[in-house]
């Protein structure tokens, strides 16, 4: 993996305007969060599931954890819906579980309403008792893209 350098930061800032403290955390809480994130990095990177766990345990919004990760110049890895894979279309070379019925209809409705977000993927997965990656794979197979990462990565 490679560092999150200044060129990467600039490119991301052009796409996403994320303030340093989007949750308006008090200075003490923000400092604690920064310390927790720093001590939780794995080989200099933050796995998405671990970032979610930190947010839950610190009782802060996920976007606050994502902002701290950005501020530290670190990358998020292991996206729970597969957005950071090298191979962007895993369904082209391998068999994936295609979804049917209501869940596909809801995916299409969300796409047409421009509401196909990371949070929506997890909501659909919960509602239909699926893995978030299964929902994400169907979204990719349909040619759609997920927006608004809950950590602010995309």
C-alpha atoms as a PDB file:
ATOM      1  CA  UNK A   1       0.000   0.000   0.000  1.00  0.00           C
ATOM      2  CA  UNK A   2       1.103   3.556  -0.457  1.00  0.00           C
ATOM      3  CA  UNK A   3       0.986   6.722   1.619  1.00  0.00           C
ATOM      4  CA  UNK A   4      -1.828   9.238   1.484  1.00  0.00           C
ATOM      5  CA  UNK A   5       0.320  12.045   0.068  1.00  0.00           C
ATOM      6  CA  UNK A   6      -0.343  15.719  -0.623  1.00  0.00           C
ATOM      7  CA  UNK A   7      -1.452  14.988  -4.190  1.00  0.00           C
ATOM      8  CA  UNK A   8      -4.021  12.482  -2.856  1.00  0.00           C
ATOM      9  CA  UNK A   9      -5.208  14.928  -0.204  1.00  0.00           C
ATOM     10  CA  UNK A  10      -5.664  17.689  -2.794  1.00  0.00           C
ATOM     11  CA  UNK A  11      -7.603  15.383  -5.114  1.00  0.00           C
ATOM     12  CA  UNK A  12      -9.887  14.306  -2.260  1.00  0.00           C
ATOM     13  CA  UNK A  13     -10.452  17.907  -1.087  1.00  0.00           C
ATOM     14  CA  UNK A  14     -11.572  18.776  -4.625  1.00  0.00           C
ATOM     15  CA  UNK A  15     -14.236  16.041  -4.413  1.00  0.00           C
ATOM     16  CA  UNK A  16     -15.183  16.194  -0.741  1.00  0.00           C
ATOM     17  CA  UNK A  17     -15.191  19.222   1.567  1.00  0.00           C
ATOM     18  CA  UNK A  18     -14.729  17.596   4.962  1.00  0.00           C
ATOM     19  CA  UNK A  19     -13.950  19.895   7.897  1.00  0.00           C
ATOM     20  CA  UNK A  20     -11.300  18.853  10.445  1.00  0.00           C
ATOM     21  CA  UNK A  21     -13.993  18.430  13.113  1.00  0.00           C
ATOM     22  CA  UNK A  22     -17.279  17.693  11.293  1.00  0.00           C
ATOM     23  CA  UNK A  23     -18.993  16.518  14.484  1.00  0.00           C
ATOM     24  CA  UNK A  24     -17.963  19.666  16.424  1.00  0.00           C
ATOM     25  CA  UNK A  25     -16.446  17.566  19.175  1.00  0.00           C
ATOM     26  CA  UNK A  26     -15.071  19.363  22.223  1.00  0.00           C
ATOM     27  CA  UNK A  27     -11.278  19.775  22.106  1.00  0.00           C
ATOM     28  CA  UNK A  28     -10.722  17.143  24.814  1.00  0.00           C
ATOM     29  CA  UNK A  29     -12.901  14.535  23.057  1.00  0.00           C
ATOM     30  CA  UNK A  30     -11.231  15.300  19.717  1.00  0.00           C
ATOM     31  CA  UNK A  31      -7.798  14.871  21.290  1.00  0.00           C
ATOM     32  CA  UNK A  32      -8.838  11.529  22.799  1.00  0.00           C
ATOM     33  CA  UNK A  33     -10.173  10.412  19.432  1.00  0.00           C
ATOM     34  CA  UNK A  34      -6.929  11.405  17.703  1.00  0.00           C
ATOM     35  CA  UNK A  35      -4.961   9.409  20.259  1.00  0.00           C
ATOM     36  CA  UNK A  36      -7.202   6.361  19.851  1.00  0.00           C
ATOM     37  CA  UNK A  37      -6.980   6.493  16.062  1.00  0.00           C
ATOM     38  CA  UNK A  38      -3.204   6.926  16.176  1.00  0.00           C
ATOM     39  CA  UNK A  39      -2.711   3.960  18.492  1.00  0.00           C
ATOM     40  CA  UNK A  40      -5.120   1.788  16.472  1.00  0.00           C
ATOM     41  CA  UNK A  41      -3.451   2.132  13.072  1.00  0.00           C
ATOM     42  CA  UNK A  42      -2.299  -1.124  11.542  1.00  0.00           C
ATOM     43  CA  UNK A  43       0.935  -0.711   9.601  1.00  0.00           C
ATOM     44  CA  UNK A  44       0.006   2.956   9.224  1.00  0.00           C
ATOM     45  CA  UNK A  45      -3.478   2.244   7.841  1.00  0.00           C
ATOM     46  CA  UNK A  46      -6.965   2.145   9.366  1.00  0.00           C
ATOM     47  CA  UNK A  47      -9.227  -0.782   8.451  1.00  0.00           C
ATOM     48  CA  UNK A  48     -12.810   0.374   7.884  1.00  0.00           C
ATOM     49  CA  UNK A  49     -14.332  -2.066  10.416  1.00  0.00           C
ATOM     50  CA  UNK A  50     -11.896  -0.856  13.075  1.00  0.00           C
ATOM     51  CA  UNK A  51     -12.785   2.779  12.346  1.00  0.00           C
ATOM     52  CA  UNK A  52     -16.462   1.893  12.857  1.00  0.00           C
ATOM     53  CA  UNK A  53     -15.595   0.174  16.141  1.00  0.00           C
ATOM     54  CA  UNK A  54     -13.657   3.225  17.335  1.00  0.00           C
ATOM     55  CA  UNK A  55     -16.626   5.478  16.503  1.00  0.00           C
ATOM     56  CA  UNK A  56     -19.007   3.201  18.390  1.00  0.00           C
ATOM     57  CA  UNK A  57     -16.775   2.883  21.460  1.00  0.00           C
ATOM     58  CA  UNK A  58     -15.969   6.619  21.541  1.00  0.00           C
ATOM     59  CA  UNK A  59     -19.658   7.436  20.949  1.00  0.00           C
ATOM     60  CA  UNK A  60     -18.863   9.752  18.042  1.00  0.00           C
ATOM     61  CA  UNK A  61     -20.163   9.855  14.476  1.00  0.00           C
ATOM     62  CA  UNK A  62     -18.180   7.746  11.995  1.00  0.00           C
ATOM     63  CA  UNK A  63     -17.442  10.867   9.959  1.00  0.00           C
ATOM     64  CA  UNK A  64     -15.486  12.250  12.940  1.00  0.00           C
ATOM     65  CA  UNK A  65     -13.200   9.214  12.884  1.00  0.00           C
ATOM     66  CA  UNK A  66     -12.773   9.584   9.121  1.00  0.00           C
ATOM     67  CA  UNK A  67     -11.856  13.255   9.525  1.00  0.00           C
ATOM     68  CA  UNK A  68      -9.187  12.388  12.106  1.00  0.00           C
ATOM     69  CA  UNK A  69      -7.767   9.732   9.779  1.00  0.00           C
ATOM     70  CA  UNK A  70      -7.621  12.317   6.970  1.00  0.00           C
ATOM     71  CA  UNK A  71      -6.064  14.938   9.218  1.00  0.00           C
ATOM     72  CA  UNK A  72      -3.343  12.435  10.133  1.00  0.00           C
ATOM     73  CA  UNK A  73      -2.695  11.781   6.450  1.00  0.00           C
ATOM     74  CA  UNK A  74      -3.592   8.096   6.702  1.00  0.00           C
ATOM     75  CA  UNK A  75      -5.640   5.837   4.452  1.00  0.00           C
ATOM     76  CA  UNK A  76      -8.659   3.695   5.213  1.00  0.00           C
ATOM     77  CA  UNK A  77      -8.388   0.090   4.024  1.00  0.00           C
ATOM     78  CA  UNK A  78     -10.594  -2.979   3.953  1.00  0.00           C
ATOM     79  CA  UNK A  79     -13.792  -1.169   3.001  1.00  0.00           C
ATOM     80  CA  UNK A  80     -16.725  -3.258   4.166  1.00  0.00           C
ATOM     81  CA  UNK A  81     -18.455  -2.805   0.814  1.00  0.00           C
ATOM     82  CA  UNK A  82     -15.346  -3.352  -1.310  1.00  0.00           C
ATOM     83  CA  UNK A  83     -14.702   0.183  -2.509  1.00  0.00           C
ATOM     84  CA  UNK A  84     -10.936   0.092  -1.937  1.00  0.00           C
ATOM     85  CA  UNK A  85     -10.158  -3.098  -3.805  1.00  0.00           C
ATOM     86  CA  UNK A  86      -7.513  -2.983  -6.498  1.00  0.00           C
ATOM     87  CA  UNK A  87      -9.803  -4.878  -8.850  1.00  0.00           C
ATOM     88  CA  UNK A  88     -12.808  -2.567  -9.053  1.00  0.00           C
ATOM     89  CA  UNK A  89     -15.118  -5.103 -10.686  1.00  0.00           C
ATOM     90  CA  UNK A  90     -14.681  -8.453  -8.949  1.00  0.00           C
ATOM     91  CA  UNK A  91     -17.833  -9.784 -10.606  1.00  0.00           C
ATOM     92  CA  UNK A  92     -16.259  -9.812 -14.084  1.00  0.00           C
ATOM     93  CA  UNK A  93     -13.765 -12.577 -13.325  1.00  0.00           C
ATOM     94  CA  UNK A  94     -15.595 -14.579 -10.701  1.00  0.00           C
ATOM     95  CA  UNK A  95     -19.006 -15.834  -9.788  1.00  0.00           C
ATOM     96  CA  UNK A  96     -20.881 -13.559  -7.407  1.00  0.00           C
ATOM     97  CA  UNK A  97     -24.192 -14.079  -5.728  1.00  0.00           C
ATOM     98  CA  UNK A  98     -26.666 -12.051  -7.806  1.00  0.00           C
ATOM     99  CA  UNK A  99     -29.608 -10.659  -5.905  1.00  0.00           C
ATOM    100  CA  UNK A 100     -33.209 -10.636  -7.067  1.00  0.00           C
ATOM    101  CA  UNK A 101     -36.596  -9.161  -6.346  1.00  0.00           C
ATOM    102  CA  UNK A 102     -37.307  -6.392  -3.901  1.00  0.00           C
ATOM    103  CA  UNK A 103     -33.711  -5.682  -2.954  1.00  0.00           C
ATOM    104  CA  UNK A 104     -32.770  -5.054  -6.610  1.00  0.00           C
ATOM    105  CA  UNK A 105     -35.850  -2.858  -7.036  1.00  0.00           C
ATOM    106  CA  UNK A 106     -34.835  -0.842  -3.972  1.00  0.00           C
ATOM    107  CA  UNK A 107     -31.270  -0.480  -5.262  1.00  0.00           C
ATOM    108  CA  UNK A 108     -32.617   0.881  -8.552  1.00  0.00           C
ATOM    109  CA  UNK A 109     -34.987   3.257  -6.745  1.00  0.00           C
ATOM    110  CA  UNK A 110     -32.153   4.563  -4.559  1.00  0.00           C
ATOM    111  CA  UNK A 111     -29.957   5.054  -7.626  1.00  0.00           C
ATOM    112  CA  UNK A 112     -32.630   6.979  -9.496  1.00  0.00           C
ATOM    113  CA  UNK A 113     -33.196   9.173  -6.421  1.00  0.00           C
ATOM    114  CA  UNK A 114     -29.398   9.749  -6.091  1.00  0.00           C
ATOM    115  CA  UNK A 115     -29.547   8.174  -2.604  1.00  0.00           C
ATOM    116  CA  UNK A 116     -27.379   5.108  -3.139  1.00  0.00           C
ATOM    117  CA  UNK A 117     -25.101   5.804  -0.187  1.00  0.00           C
ATOM    118  CA  UNK A 118     -22.868   3.701   2.031  1.00  0.00           C
ATOM    119  CA  UNK A 119     -25.470   3.964   4.806  1.00  0.00           C
ATOM    120  CA  UNK A 120     -28.189   2.805   2.388  1.00  0.00           C
ATOM    121  CA  UNK A 121     -26.114  -0.280   1.500  1.00  0.00           C
ATOM    122  CA  UNK A 122     -25.927  -1.233   5.173  1.00  0.00           C
ATOM    123  CA  UNK A 123     -29.643  -0.511   5.656  1.00  0.00           C
ATOM    124  CA  UNK A 124     -30.538  -2.792   2.737  1.00  0.00           C
ATOM    125  CA  UNK A 125     -28.208  -5.510   4.021  1.00  0.00           C
ATOM    126  CA  UNK A 126     -29.875  -5.386   7.437  1.00  0.00           C
ATOM    127  CA  UNK A 127     -33.387  -5.274   6.000  1.00  0.00           C
ATOM    128  CA  UNK A 128     -32.861  -8.285   3.721  1.00  0.00           C
ATOM    129  CA  UNK A 129     -30.479 -10.149   6.062  1.00  0.00           C
ATOM    130  CA  UNK A 130     -27.619  -9.980   3.562  1.00  0.00           C
ATOM    131  CA  UNK A 131     -23.949  -9.161   3.819  1.00  0.00           C
ATOM    132  CA  UNK A 132     -23.168  -5.552   2.875  1.00  0.00           C
ATOM    133  CA  UNK A 133     -20.654  -6.892   0.325  1.00  0.00           C
ATOM    134  CA  UNK A 134     -23.447  -8.866  -1.400  1.00  0.00           C
ATOM    135  CA  UNK A 135     -25.477  -5.676  -1.782  1.00  0.00           C
ATOM    136  CA  UNK A 136     -22.406  -3.778  -2.978  1.00  0.00           C
ATOM    137  CA  UNK A 137     -21.562  -6.500  -5.516  1.00  0.00           C
ATOM    138  CA  UNK A 138     -25.076  -6.251  -6.953  1.00  0.00           C
ATOM    139  CA  UNK A 139     -24.725  -2.470  -7.155  1.00  0.00           C
ATOM    140  CA  UNK A 140     -21.461  -2.906  -9.079  1.00  0.00           C
ATOM    141  CA  UNK A 141     -22.994  -5.554 -11.344  1.00  0.00           C
ATOM    142  CA  UNK A 142     -25.801  -3.112 -12.169  1.00  0.00           C
ATOM    143  CA  UNK A 143     -23.194  -0.489 -13.094  1.00  0.00           C
ATOM    144  CA  UNK A 144     -24.035   1.864 -10.215  1.00  0.00           C
ATOM    145  CA  UNK A 145     -21.721   3.563  -7.722  1.00  0.00           C
ATOM    146  CA  UNK A 146     -22.112   4.036  -3.993  1.00  0.00           C
ATOM    147  CA  UNK A 147     -21.626   7.566  -2.649  1.00  0.00           C
ATOM    148  CA  UNK A 148     -21.170   9.250   0.712  1.00  0.00           C
ATOM    149  CA  UNK A 149     -18.900   6.929   2.648  1.00  0.00           C
ATOM    150  CA  UNK A 150     -19.773   7.036   6.332  1.00  0.00           C
ATOM    151  CA  UNK A 151     -16.099   7.742   7.079  1.00  0.00           C
ATOM    152  CA  UNK A 152     -15.914  10.445   4.402  1.00  0.00           C
ATOM    153  CA  UNK A 153     -13.595   8.510   2.089  1.00  0.00           C
ATOM    154  CA  UNK A 154     -15.744   9.034  -1.013  1.00  0.00           C
END
